[in-house]
Amino acid sequence: SLGVAGIEFSNLAIIAGALSVGIGFGLQNIVNNFVSGLVLLFERPIKAGDWIVVGATEGYVKRISIRATQIQTFDRADVIVPNSELVSGQVTNWMLHDTRGRARIPVGVAYGTDTAKVKRILLEIAEQHAEIITDVISLVPVVLFQRFGDSALEFELRVHINNIDNRLHVISDLNFSIDHAFRENGISIPFPQRDVHLRDMPGPASEK
């Protein structure tokens, strides 16, 4: 009947082929995210409750679905990340196999300060914090003399924490304690300074 009506089947085949190609390209991302979702659910490189970093997004995994993963940032914003980005891109999982993690606290002191005293104070502060691991040899706090900076002697206190969830709070506690201890011991924390030397000063304007 279609042939008698004058409809060419070859034209229909071309149209159907074009539609198939268009639909295939349109569903490519959906299929990619679907397969990536299955990989995440079976391999479990991340799970609900993990603290992860994906590109510029950092927060806790709230839900993993077939198409995308919901991440809640520290600002309580929900970010929907396609599963393909979690499978093909670089993902930092702070809690993959262990809730313990490391925190680094940079500290600068003025030139002329007793460096041994600085190291002793920093270690004492770290050992007094309840969240910091001090009973495992490979995880005990350490103080590194990093470099002679432009305006300060630069140190870094490195500690391991029992629960990485509390990392920001521990860093804040240590900063408060360091500031208090340095004030009590007369250790100053310098700020960047620049000296400006004027070689040629213009003379006074001639009077007319």
N, C-alpha and C. Protein backbone atom coordinates (compact mmCIF):
# COMPACT_ATOMS: atom_id res chain seq x y z
N SER A 1 0.84 -1.22 0.00
CA SER A 1 0.00 0.00 0.00
C SER A 1 0.87 1.26 0.00
N LEU A 2 1.95 1.27 0.80
CA LEU A 2 2.85 2.42 0.82
C LEU A 2 3.54 2.59 -0.53
N GLY A 3 3.88 1.44 -1.14
CA GLY A 3 4.52 1.52 -2.46
C GLY A 3 3.57 2.09 -3.49
N VAL A 4 2.31 1.66 -3.45
CA VAL A 4 1.32 2.17 -4.39
C VAL A 4 1.10 3.65 -4.16
N ALA A 5 1.18 4.08 -2.88
CA ALA A 5 0.98 5.49 -2.56
C ALA A 5 2.15 6.34 -3.02
N GLY A 6 3.23 5.71 -3.47
CA GLY A 6 4.38 6.47 -3.98
C GLY A 6 5.43 6.80 -2.96
N ILE A 7 5.39 6.15 -1.77
CA ILE A 7 6.39 6.41 -0.74
C ILE A 7 7.59 5.50 -0.98
N GLU A 8 8.78 6.10 -1.05
CA GLU A 8 10.00 5.35 -1.28
C GLU A 8 10.55 4.82 0.04
N PHE A 9 10.73 3.50 0.11
CA PHE A 9 11.26 2.91 1.34
C PHE A 9 12.72 3.29 1.59
N SER A 10 13.42 3.57 0.53
CA SER A 10 14.82 3.98 0.70
C SER A 10 14.90 5.29 1.48
N ASN A 11 13.97 6.20 1.22
CA ASN A 11 13.96 7.47 1.96
C ASN A 11 13.65 7.24 3.44
N LEU A 12 12.71 6.32 3.70
CA LEU A 12 12.39 6.00 5.09
C LEU A 12 13.59 5.40 5.81
N ALA A 13 14.34 4.57 5.11
CA ALA A 13 15.52 3.95 5.71
C ALA A 13 16.57 5.00 6.06
N ILE A 14 16.72 5.99 5.20
CA ILE A 14 17.70 7.06 5.46
C ILE A 14 17.28 7.86 6.69
N ILE A 15 15.97 8.19 6.75
CA ILE A 15 15.46 8.96 7.89
C ILE A 15 15.62 8.17 9.19
N ALA A 16 15.27 6.88 9.14
CA ALA A 16 15.40 6.04 10.33
C ALA A 16 16.85 5.92 10.78
N GLY A 17 17.75 5.82 9.81
CA GLY A 17 19.18 5.74 10.15
C GLY A 17 19.67 7.02 10.81
N ALA A 18 19.25 8.16 10.27
CA ALA A 18 19.66 9.44 10.84
C ALA A 18 19.12 9.60 12.26
N LEU A 19 17.86 9.18 12.47
CA LEU A 19 17.29 9.26 13.81
C LEU A 19 18.03 8.34 14.78
N SER A 20 18.40 7.17 14.32
CA SER A 20 19.13 6.24 15.19
C SER A 20 20.47 6.80 15.62
N VAL A 21 21.17 7.41 14.66
CA VAL A 21 22.46 8.01 15.00
C VAL A 21 22.28 9.16 15.99
N GLY A 22 21.29 10.02 15.76
CA GLY A 22 21.04 11.13 16.68
C GLY A 22 20.69 10.68 18.07
N ILE A 23 19.80 9.67 18.15
CA ILE A 23 19.41 9.14 19.47
C ILE A 23 20.61 8.51 20.16
N GLY A 24 21.45 7.82 19.36
CA GLY A 24 22.63 7.18 19.95
C GLY A 24 23.57 8.20 20.57
N PHE A 25 23.83 9.30 19.86
CA PHE A 25 24.68 10.34 20.42
C PHE A 25 24.03 11.00 21.62
N GLY A 26 22.73 11.19 21.58
CA GLY A 26 22.04 11.82 22.70
C GLY A 26 22.06 10.98 23.95
N LEU A 27 22.00 9.66 23.80
CA LEU A 27 21.99 8.76 24.96
C LEU A 27 23.38 8.34 25.41
N GLN A 28 24.40 8.79 24.71
CA GLN A 28 25.76 8.34 25.03
C GLN A 28 26.14 8.70 26.46
N ASN A 29 25.90 9.95 26.86
CA ASN A 29 26.25 10.36 28.22
C ASN A 29 25.42 9.64 29.26
N ILE A 30 24.14 9.41 28.94
CA ILE A 30 23.28 8.71 29.89
C ILE A 30 23.77 7.28 30.11
N VAL A 31 24.11 6.61 29.03
CA VAL A 31 24.61 5.23 29.14
C VAL A 31 25.94 5.21 29.88
N ASN A 32 26.80 6.20 29.59
CA ASN A 32 28.11 6.27 30.26
C ASN A 32 27.93 6.45 31.77
N ASN A 33 27.03 7.34 32.17
CA ASN A 33 26.80 7.55 33.59
C ASN A 33 26.14 6.33 34.24
N PHE A 34 25.27 5.65 33.49
CA PHE A 34 24.62 4.45 34.01
C PHE A 34 25.64 3.35 34.30
N VAL A 35 26.52 3.11 33.33
CA VAL A 35 27.55 2.08 33.52
C VAL A 35 28.50 2.48 34.64
N SER A 36 28.86 3.77 34.69
CA SER A 36 29.73 4.23 35.76
C SER A 36 29.07 4.07 37.13
N GLY A 37 27.76 4.28 37.19
CA GLY A 37 27.04 4.06 38.45
C GLY A 37 27.10 2.62 38.91
N LEU A 38 26.99 1.69 37.96
CA LEU A 38 27.12 0.27 38.32
C LEU A 38 28.51 -0.05 38.84
N VAL A 39 29.53 0.56 38.22
CA VAL A 39 30.91 0.35 38.68
C VAL A 39 31.08 0.86 40.10
N LEU A 40 30.52 2.04 40.40
CA LEU A 40 30.63 2.59 41.75
C LEU A 40 29.92 1.72 42.78
N LEU A 41 28.76 1.18 42.40
CA LEU A 41 27.99 0.38 43.34
C LEU A 41 28.64 -0.97 43.62
N PHE A 42 29.33 -1.53 42.61
CA PHE A 42 29.94 -2.85 42.80
C PHE A 42 31.36 -2.74 43.37
N GLU A 43 32.18 -1.82 42.87
CA GLU A 43 33.55 -1.70 43.37
C GLU A 43 33.62 -0.92 44.68
N ARG A 44 32.69 0.01 44.90
CA ARG A 44 32.60 0.81 46.12
C ARG A 44 33.90 1.57 46.44
N PRO A 45 34.44 2.32 45.47
CA PRO A 45 35.58 3.18 45.80
C PRO A 45 35.16 4.35 46.68
N ILE A 46 33.88 4.68 46.64
CA ILE A 46 33.31 5.66 47.55
C ILE A 46 31.99 5.11 48.06
N LYS A 47 31.56 5.59 49.22
CA LYS A 47 30.29 5.16 49.80
C LYS A 47 29.68 6.33 50.54
N ALA A 48 28.42 6.19 50.87
CA ALA A 48 27.71 7.27 51.58
C ALA A 48 28.41 7.57 52.90
N GLY A 49 28.65 8.84 53.14
CA GLY A 49 29.32 9.26 54.36
C GLY A 49 30.79 9.56 54.19
N ASP A 50 31.38 9.19 53.05
CA ASP A 50 32.80 9.45 52.82
C ASP A 50 33.04 10.92 52.53
N TRP A 51 34.19 11.39 52.95
CA TRP A 51 34.64 12.75 52.65
C TRP A 51 35.51 12.67 51.40
N ILE A 52 35.05 13.26 50.30
CA ILE A 52 35.78 13.15 49.05
C ILE A 52 36.01 14.54 48.45
N VAL A 53 36.97 14.57 47.52
CA VAL A 53 37.27 15.78 46.76
C VAL A 53 37.25 15.41 45.29
N VAL A 54 36.38 16.08 44.52
CA VAL A 54 36.26 15.86 43.09
C VAL A 54 36.41 17.21 42.40
N GLY A 55 37.54 17.43 41.78
CA GLY A 55 37.77 18.72 41.15
C GLY A 55 37.72 19.83 42.19
N ALA A 56 36.83 20.79 41.98
CA ALA A 56 36.68 21.90 42.93
C ALA A 56 35.62 21.62 43.98
N THR A 57 35.01 20.44 43.95
CA THR A 57 33.95 20.09 44.89
C THR A 57 34.51 19.23 46.01
N GLU A 58 34.24 19.62 47.25
CA GLU A 58 34.69 18.88 48.42
C GLU A 58 33.55 18.79 49.41
N GLY A 59 33.30 17.57 49.90
CA GLY A 59 32.21 17.39 50.85
C GLY A 59 31.97 15.92 51.13
N TYR A 60 30.78 15.64 51.69
CA TYR A 60 30.42 14.27 52.08
C TYR A 60 29.45 13.68 51.06
N VAL A 61 29.64 12.40 50.76
CA VAL A 61 28.74 11.71 49.85
C VAL A 61 27.43 11.42 50.57
N LYS A 62 26.33 11.92 50.03
CA LYS A 62 25.03 11.69 50.63
C LYS A 62 24.31 10.50 50.00
N ARG A 63 24.40 10.41 48.66
CA ARG A 63 23.66 9.35 47.99
C ARG A 63 24.30 9.04 46.65
N ILE A 64 24.38 7.76 46.33
CA ILE A 64 24.91 7.31 45.04
C ILE A 64 23.77 6.65 44.27
N SER A 65 23.42 7.24 43.14
CA SER A 65 22.35 6.67 42.31
C SER A 65 22.96 6.16 41.01
N ILE A 66 22.11 5.63 40.15
CA ILE A 66 22.58 5.05 38.90
C ILE A 66 23.19 6.11 38.00
N ARG A 67 22.64 7.31 37.96
CA ARG A 67 23.11 8.32 37.02
C ARG A 67 24.12 9.28 37.62
N ALA A 68 23.94 9.68 38.87
CA ALA A 68 24.79 10.71 39.46
C ALA A 68 24.95 10.46 40.96
N THR A 69 25.89 11.18 41.55
CA THR A 69 26.17 11.08 42.98
C THR A 69 25.94 12.44 43.62
N GLN A 70 25.27 12.45 44.76
CA GLN A 70 24.97 13.68 45.47
C GLN A 70 26.01 13.92 46.55
N ILE A 71 26.67 15.08 46.49
CA ILE A 71 27.70 15.45 47.46
C ILE A 71 27.25 16.72 48.18
N GLN A 72 27.33 16.68 49.49
CA GLN A 72 26.98 17.86 50.29
C GLN A 72 28.26 18.55 50.75
N THR A 73 28.45 19.80 50.35
CA THR A 73 29.64 20.54 50.71
C THR A 73 29.57 20.99 52.16
N PHE A 74 30.68 21.57 52.65
CA PHE A 74 30.72 22.05 54.02
C PHE A 74 29.83 23.28 54.22
N ASP A 75 29.42 23.90 53.11
CA ASP A 75 28.48 25.02 53.19
C ASP A 75 27.03 24.55 53.12
N ARG A 76 26.82 23.23 53.20
CA ARG A 76 25.49 22.62 53.17
C ARG A 76 24.82 22.75 51.82
N ALA A 77 25.61 22.89 50.77
CA ALA A 77 25.07 22.91 49.41
C ALA A 77 25.20 21.52 48.81
N ASP A 78 24.16 21.08 48.11
CA ASP A 78 24.16 19.77 47.47
C ASP A 78 24.63 19.91 46.02
N VAL A 79 25.66 19.16 45.67
CA VAL A 79 26.22 19.18 44.32
C VAL A 79 25.98 17.82 43.67
N ILE A 80 25.40 17.82 42.48
CA ILE A 80 25.14 16.59 41.74
C ILE A 80 26.29 16.37 40.76
N VAL A 81 27.04 15.30 40.94
CA VAL A 81 28.20 15.00 40.11
C VAL A 81 27.90 13.77 39.26
N PRO A 82 28.00 13.86 37.93
CA PRO A 82 27.78 12.68 37.09
C PRO A 82 28.74 11.55 37.47
N ASN A 83 28.24 10.34 37.45
CA ASN A 83 29.05 9.19 37.87
C ASN A 83 30.27 9.00 36.98
N SER A 84 30.18 9.39 35.71
CA SER A 84 31.31 9.21 34.81
C SER A 84 32.53 10.01 35.28
N GLU A 85 32.31 11.18 35.92
CA GLU A 85 33.42 11.97 36.43
C GLU A 85 34.11 11.28 37.60
N LEU A 86 33.36 10.52 38.40
CA LEU A 86 33.92 9.82 39.54
C LEU A 86 34.71 8.59 39.11
N VAL A 87 34.37 8.02 37.97
CA VAL A 87 35.05 6.82 37.49
C VAL A 87 36.27 7.16 36.65
N SER A 88 36.13 8.15 35.77
CA SER A 88 37.21 8.46 34.83
C SER A 88 38.16 9.53 35.36
N GLY A 89 37.73 10.36 36.33
CA GLY A 89 38.57 11.42 36.85
C GLY A 89 39.26 11.04 38.14
N GLN A 90 40.05 11.97 38.66
CA GLN A 90 40.77 11.76 39.92
C GLN A 90 39.88 12.14 41.09
N VAL A 91 39.75 11.23 42.05
CA VAL A 91 38.91 11.44 43.23
C VAL A 91 39.74 11.19 44.47
N THR A 92 39.72 12.12 45.40
CA THR A 92 40.40 11.95 46.68
C THR A 92 39.38 11.54 47.73
N ASN A 93 39.57 10.35 48.31
CA ASN A 93 38.68 9.84 49.34
C ASN A 93 39.46 9.81 50.66
N TRP A 94 39.10 10.72 51.57
CA TRP A 94 39.80 10.82 52.84
C TRP A 94 39.48 9.64 53.76
N MET A 95 38.44 8.88 53.45
CA MET A 95 37.97 7.85 54.39
C MET A 95 37.76 6.51 53.70
N LEU A 96 38.59 6.19 52.73
CA LEU A 96 38.37 4.97 51.96
C LEU A 96 38.50 3.71 52.82
N HIS A 97 39.64 3.54 53.48
CA HIS A 97 39.86 2.35 54.31
C HIS A 97 40.10 2.68 55.77
N ASP A 98 40.30 3.94 56.10
CA ASP A 98 40.67 4.31 57.46
C ASP A 98 40.16 5.72 57.74
N THR A 99 39.63 5.93 58.94
CA THR A 99 39.14 7.26 59.30
C THR A 99 40.25 8.17 59.79
N ARG A 100 41.46 7.63 59.97
CA ARG A 100 42.57 8.45 60.40
C ARG A 100 43.12 9.26 59.23
N GLY A 101 43.71 10.40 59.52
CA GLY A 101 44.28 11.23 58.48
C GLY A 101 45.30 12.20 59.07
N ARG A 102 45.99 12.92 58.18
CA ARG A 102 47.05 13.83 58.61
C ARG A 102 46.65 15.28 58.41
N ALA A 103 47.12 16.12 59.32
CA ALA A 103 46.93 17.56 59.20
C ALA A 103 48.29 18.24 59.27
N ARG A 104 48.43 19.32 58.51
CA ARG A 104 49.69 20.07 58.47
C ARG A 104 49.43 21.52 58.87
N ILE A 105 50.21 22.02 59.79
CA ILE A 105 50.04 23.38 60.29
C ILE A 105 51.33 24.16 60.05
N PRO A 106 51.36 25.05 59.06
CA PRO A 106 52.56 25.86 58.82
C PRO A 106 52.66 26.98 59.86
N VAL A 107 53.89 27.24 60.31
CA VAL A 107 54.13 28.27 61.32
C VAL A 107 55.40 29.02 60.94
N GLY A 108 55.36 30.34 61.02
CA GLY A 108 56.54 31.15 60.76
C GLY A 108 56.92 31.95 62.00
N VAL A 109 58.22 32.00 62.31
CA VAL A 109 58.70 32.77 63.46
C VAL A 109 59.77 33.74 62.98
N ALA A 110 60.01 34.75 63.80
CA ALA A 110 60.95 35.80 63.42
C ALA A 110 62.39 35.27 63.42
N TYR A 111 63.21 35.85 62.58
CA TYR A 111 64.63 35.52 62.56
C TYR A 111 65.25 35.85 63.92
N GLY A 112 66.14 34.98 64.38
CA GLY A 112 66.76 35.14 65.69
C GLY A 112 66.08 34.34 66.78
N THR A 113 64.93 33.72 66.47
CA THR A 113 64.21 32.91 67.46
C THR A 113 64.95 31.59 67.69
N ASP A 114 64.90 31.11 68.93
CA ASP A 114 65.50 29.82 69.28
C ASP A 114 64.70 28.71 68.61
N THR A 115 65.26 28.10 67.56
CA THR A 115 64.52 27.09 66.78
C THR A 115 64.24 25.83 67.59
N ALA A 116 65.15 25.45 68.46
CA ALA A 116 64.92 24.27 69.30
C ALA A 116 63.73 24.49 70.23
N LYS A 117 63.60 25.71 70.73
CA LYS A 117 62.48 26.04 71.61
C LYS A 117 61.17 25.99 70.84
N VAL A 118 61.18 26.48 69.60
CA VAL A 118 59.98 26.42 68.77
C VAL A 118 59.55 24.97 68.55
N LYS A 119 60.50 24.12 68.23
CA LYS A 119 60.18 22.70 68.01
C LYS A 119 59.59 22.08 69.27
N ARG A 120 60.18 22.37 70.43
CA ARG A 120 59.70 21.78 71.68
C ARG A 120 58.27 22.24 71.98
N ILE A 121 57.99 23.51 71.78
CA ILE A 121 56.65 24.03 72.07
C ILE A 121 55.61 23.40 71.15
N LEU A 122 55.92 23.30 69.87
CA LEU A 122 54.98 22.72 68.92
C LEU A 122 54.68 21.26 69.25
N LEU A 123 55.71 20.50 69.61
CA LEU A 123 55.48 19.09 69.94
C LEU A 123 54.66 18.96 71.23
N GLU A 124 54.92 19.80 72.20
CA GLU A 124 54.15 19.75 73.45
C GLU A 124 52.68 20.05 73.19
N ILE A 125 52.42 21.03 72.35
CA ILE A 125 51.03 21.37 72.03
C ILE A 125 50.33 20.20 71.34
N ALA A 126 51.03 19.57 70.38
CA ALA A 126 50.43 18.45 69.65
C ALA A 126 50.15 17.26 70.57
N GLU A 127 51.07 16.98 71.47
CA GLU A 127 50.92 15.81 72.34
C GLU A 127 49.81 15.99 73.37
N GLN A 128 49.41 17.23 73.63
CA GLN A 128 48.36 17.48 74.62
C GLN A 128 46.96 17.44 74.03
N HIS A 129 46.85 17.36 72.71
CA HIS A 129 45.52 17.34 72.10
C HIS A 129 44.98 15.91 72.07
N ALA A 130 43.74 15.75 72.50
CA ALA A 130 43.16 14.41 72.64
C ALA A 130 42.94 13.70 71.31
N GLU A 131 42.74 14.45 70.23
CA GLU A 131 42.44 13.84 68.93
C GLU A 131 43.69 13.40 68.17
N ILE A 132 44.85 13.82 68.61
CA ILE A 132 46.08 13.55 67.87
C ILE A 132 46.68 12.23 68.33
N ILE A 133 47.13 11.42 67.38
CA ILE A 133 47.71 10.11 67.67
C ILE A 133 49.15 10.29 68.15
N THR A 134 49.44 9.77 69.33
CA THR A 134 50.79 9.87 69.90
C THR A 134 51.37 8.52 70.32
N ASP A 135 50.58 7.43 70.20
CA ASP A 135 51.03 6.13 70.69
C ASP A 135 51.43 5.17 69.58
N VAL A 136 51.50 5.65 68.33
CA VAL A 136 51.95 4.84 67.21
C VAL A 136 53.21 5.49 66.65
N ILE A 137 54.31 4.74 66.61
CA ILE A 137 55.60 5.34 66.27
C ILE A 137 55.57 6.01 64.90
N SER A 138 54.95 5.37 63.93
CA SER A 138 54.95 5.92 62.57
C SER A 138 54.00 7.10 62.41
N LEU A 139 53.16 7.36 63.43
CA LEU A 139 52.16 8.43 63.31
C LEU A 139 52.34 9.54 64.33
N VAL A 140 53.44 9.54 65.07
CA VAL A 140 53.63 10.55 66.10
C VAL A 140 53.84 11.92 65.46
N PRO A 141 53.51 13.01 66.17
CA PRO A 141 53.72 14.35 65.61
C PRO A 141 55.19 14.64 65.31
N VAL A 142 55.41 15.38 64.24
CA VAL A 142 56.77 15.78 63.88
C VAL A 142 56.77 17.27 63.53
N VAL A 143 57.91 17.90 63.74
CA VAL A 143 58.10 19.30 63.39
C VAL A 143 59.23 19.39 62.39
N LEU A 144 58.97 20.02 61.26
CA LEU A 144 59.97 20.16 60.20
C LEU A 144 60.35 21.63 60.04
N PHE A 145 61.64 21.87 59.97
CA PHE A 145 62.14 23.21 59.66
C PHE A 145 62.19 23.29 58.14
N GLN A 146 61.21 23.95 57.54
CA GLN A 146 61.02 23.90 56.11
C GLN A 146 62.04 24.74 55.33
N ARG A 147 62.18 26.01 55.70
CA ARG A 147 63.04 26.89 54.90
C ARG A 147 63.28 28.22 55.62
N PHE A 148 64.29 28.94 55.09
CA PHE A 148 64.52 30.31 55.52
C PHE A 148 63.72 31.21 54.58
N GLY A 149 62.59 31.68 55.02
CA GLY A 149 61.71 32.48 54.18
C GLY A 149 62.17 33.92 54.07
N ASP A 150 61.45 34.68 53.27
CA ASP A 150 61.79 36.09 53.08
C ASP A 150 61.66 36.89 54.37
N SER A 151 60.65 36.55 55.18
CA SER A 151 60.39 37.33 56.39
C SER A 151 60.38 36.49 57.66
N ALA A 152 60.51 35.15 57.53
CA ALA A 152 60.37 34.30 58.71
C ALA A 152 61.11 32.99 58.53
N LEU A 153 61.38 32.34 59.66
CA LEU A 153 61.84 30.96 59.67
C LEU A 153 60.60 30.09 59.62
N GLU A 154 60.46 29.28 58.58
CA GLU A 154 59.22 28.58 58.32
C GLU A 154 59.29 27.13 58.81
N PHE A 155 58.38 26.80 59.72
CA PHE A 155 58.24 25.44 60.26
C PHE A 155 56.92 24.84 59.80
N GLU A 156 56.81 23.53 59.99
CA GLU A 156 55.53 22.86 59.72
C GLU A 156 55.33 21.76 60.75
N LEU A 157 54.20 21.82 61.43
CA LEU A 157 53.81 20.78 62.38
C LEU A 157 52.90 19.79 61.67
N ARG A 158 53.29 18.52 61.68
CA ARG A 158 52.50 17.47 61.02
C ARG A 158 52.00 16.50 62.07
N VAL A 159 50.70 16.29 62.09
CA VAL A 159 50.08 15.40 63.07
C VAL A 159 49.09 14.48 62.37
N HIS A 160 48.84 13.33 62.99
CA HIS A 160 47.83 12.39 62.51
C HIS A 160 46.66 12.39 63.48
N ILE A 161 45.46 12.38 62.93
CA ILE A 161 44.23 12.51 63.71
C ILE A 161 43.46 11.20 63.67
N ASN A 162 42.84 10.86 64.78
CA ASN A 162 42.06 9.62 64.85
C ASN A 162 40.87 9.64 63.90
N ASN A 163 40.20 10.76 63.80
CA ASN A 163 39.02 10.88 62.93
C ASN A 163 39.20 12.09 62.03
N ILE A 164 39.37 11.85 60.74
CA ILE A 164 39.63 12.93 59.80
C ILE A 164 38.46 13.89 59.71
N ASP A 165 37.28 13.47 60.15
CA ASP A 165 36.13 14.38 60.18
C ASP A 165 36.40 15.61 61.02
N ASN A 166 37.26 15.45 62.03
CA ASN A 166 37.54 16.55 62.95
C ASN A 166 38.79 17.34 62.55
N ARG A 167 39.25 17.17 61.34
CA ARG A 167 40.51 17.78 60.90
C ARG A 167 40.51 19.30 61.05
N LEU A 168 39.47 19.95 60.56
CA LEU A 168 39.43 21.41 60.61
C LEU A 168 39.37 21.93 62.04
N HIS A 169 38.64 21.22 62.90
CA HIS A 169 38.55 21.63 64.30
C HIS A 169 39.89 21.46 65.00
N VAL A 170 40.59 20.36 64.69
CA VAL A 170 41.90 20.13 65.32
C VAL A 170 42.89 21.20 64.87
N ILE A 171 42.90 21.53 63.59
CA ILE A 171 43.80 22.57 63.09
C ILE A 171 43.51 23.90 63.79
N SER A 172 42.23 24.22 63.95
CA SER A 172 41.86 25.46 64.64
C SER A 172 42.34 25.44 66.09
N ASP A 173 42.14 24.32 66.78
CA ASP A 173 42.60 24.21 68.17
C ASP A 173 44.10 24.40 68.27
N LEU A 174 44.84 23.78 67.36
CA LEU A 174 46.30 23.89 67.40
C LEU A 174 46.75 25.33 67.13
N ASN A 175 46.09 26.00 66.20
CA ASN A 175 46.45 27.39 65.92
C ASN A 175 46.22 28.29 67.13
N PHE A 176 45.10 28.10 67.83
CA PHE A 176 44.85 28.86 69.04
C PHE A 176 45.94 28.59 70.09
N SER A 177 46.27 27.32 70.26
CA SER A 177 47.27 26.95 71.27
C SER A 177 48.65 27.48 70.91
N ILE A 178 49.00 27.42 69.63
CA ILE A 178 50.31 27.92 69.19
C ILE A 178 50.41 29.43 69.43
N ASP A 179 49.37 30.15 69.08
CA ASP A 179 49.38 31.60 69.28
C ASP A 179 49.53 31.94 70.77
N HIS A 180 48.80 31.21 71.62
CA HIS A 180 48.88 31.47 73.07
C HIS A 180 50.27 31.14 73.61
N ALA A 181 50.82 29.99 73.20
CA ALA A 181 52.13 29.57 73.70
C ALA A 181 53.24 30.50 73.23
N PHE A 182 53.16 30.95 71.99
CA PHE A 182 54.18 31.87 71.47
C PHE A 182 54.14 33.20 72.21
N ARG A 183 52.93 33.69 72.52
CA ARG A 183 52.82 34.95 73.26
C ARG A 183 53.44 34.81 74.65
N GLU A 184 53.19 33.67 75.32
CA GLU A 184 53.73 33.46 76.66
C GLU A 184 55.25 33.35 76.66
N ASN A 185 55.81 32.83 75.58
CA ASN A 185 57.25 32.60 75.51
C ASN A 185 57.98 33.69 74.72
N GLY A 186 57.29 34.75 74.36
CA GLY A 186 57.94 35.85 73.69
C GLY A 186 58.40 35.55 72.28
N ILE A 187 57.74 34.63 71.62
CA ILE A 187 58.08 34.28 70.23
C ILE A 187 57.11 35.03 69.31
N SER A 188 57.66 35.80 68.42
CA SER A 188 56.82 36.62 67.53
C SER A 188 56.62 35.92 66.19
N ILE A 189 55.43 36.08 65.64
CA ILE A 189 55.10 35.58 64.31
C ILE A 189 55.12 36.78 63.37
N PRO A 190 56.12 36.88 62.51
CA PRO A 190 56.27 38.08 61.69
C PRO A 190 55.28 38.12 60.54
N PHE A 191 55.16 39.28 59.95
CA PHE A 191 54.36 39.45 58.75
C PHE A 191 55.27 39.97 57.65
N PRO A 192 54.93 39.75 56.40
CA PRO A 192 55.80 40.18 55.31
C PRO A 192 56.10 41.68 55.37
N GLN A 193 57.36 42.02 55.21
CA GLN A 193 57.77 43.41 55.24
C GLN A 193 58.66 43.70 54.03
N ARG A 194 58.59 44.91 53.57
CA ARG A 194 59.42 45.33 52.45
C ARG A 194 60.06 46.67 52.79
N ASP A 195 61.36 46.81 52.48
CA ASP A 195 62.07 48.07 52.65
C ASP A 195 62.17 48.76 51.30
N VAL A 196 61.79 50.02 51.26
CA VAL A 196 61.83 50.80 50.03
C VAL A 196 62.97 51.81 50.15
N HIS A 197 63.91 51.73 49.24
CA HIS A 197 65.05 52.64 49.23
C HIS A 197 64.91 53.59 48.03
N LEU A 198 64.87 54.88 48.31
CA LEU A 198 64.77 55.89 47.26
C LEU A 198 66.17 56.40 46.97
N ARG A 199 66.66 56.13 45.79
CA ARG A 199 68.03 56.50 45.43
C ARG A 199 68.12 57.97 45.01
N ASP A 200 67.19 58.45 44.24
CA ASP A 200 67.22 59.83 43.74
C ASP A 200 65.94 60.54 44.15
N MET A 201 66.09 61.58 44.90
CA MET A 201 64.93 62.37 45.32
C MET A 201 64.83 63.61 44.44
N PRO A 202 63.69 63.91 43.91
CA PRO A 202 63.55 65.11 43.08
C PRO A 202 63.73 66.37 43.92
N GLY A 203 64.39 67.35 43.37
CA GLY A 203 64.60 68.60 44.07
C GLY A 203 63.33 69.41 44.14
N PRO A 204 63.34 70.49 44.96
CA PRO A 204 62.13 71.31 45.09
C PRO A 204 61.83 72.03 43.77
N ALA A 205 60.58 72.15 43.48
CA ALA A 205 60.20 72.81 42.22
C ALA A 205 60.66 74.27 42.23
N SER A 206 61.20 74.68 41.14
CA SER A 206 61.68 76.06 41.04
C SER A 206 60.51 77.03 41.02
N GLU A 207 60.68 78.13 41.73
CA GLU A 207 59.62 79.12 41.78
C GLU A 207 59.67 80.01 40.56
N LYS A 208 58.55 80.30 40.06
CA LYS A 208 58.47 81.18 38.89
C LYS A 208 58.33 82.63 39.35
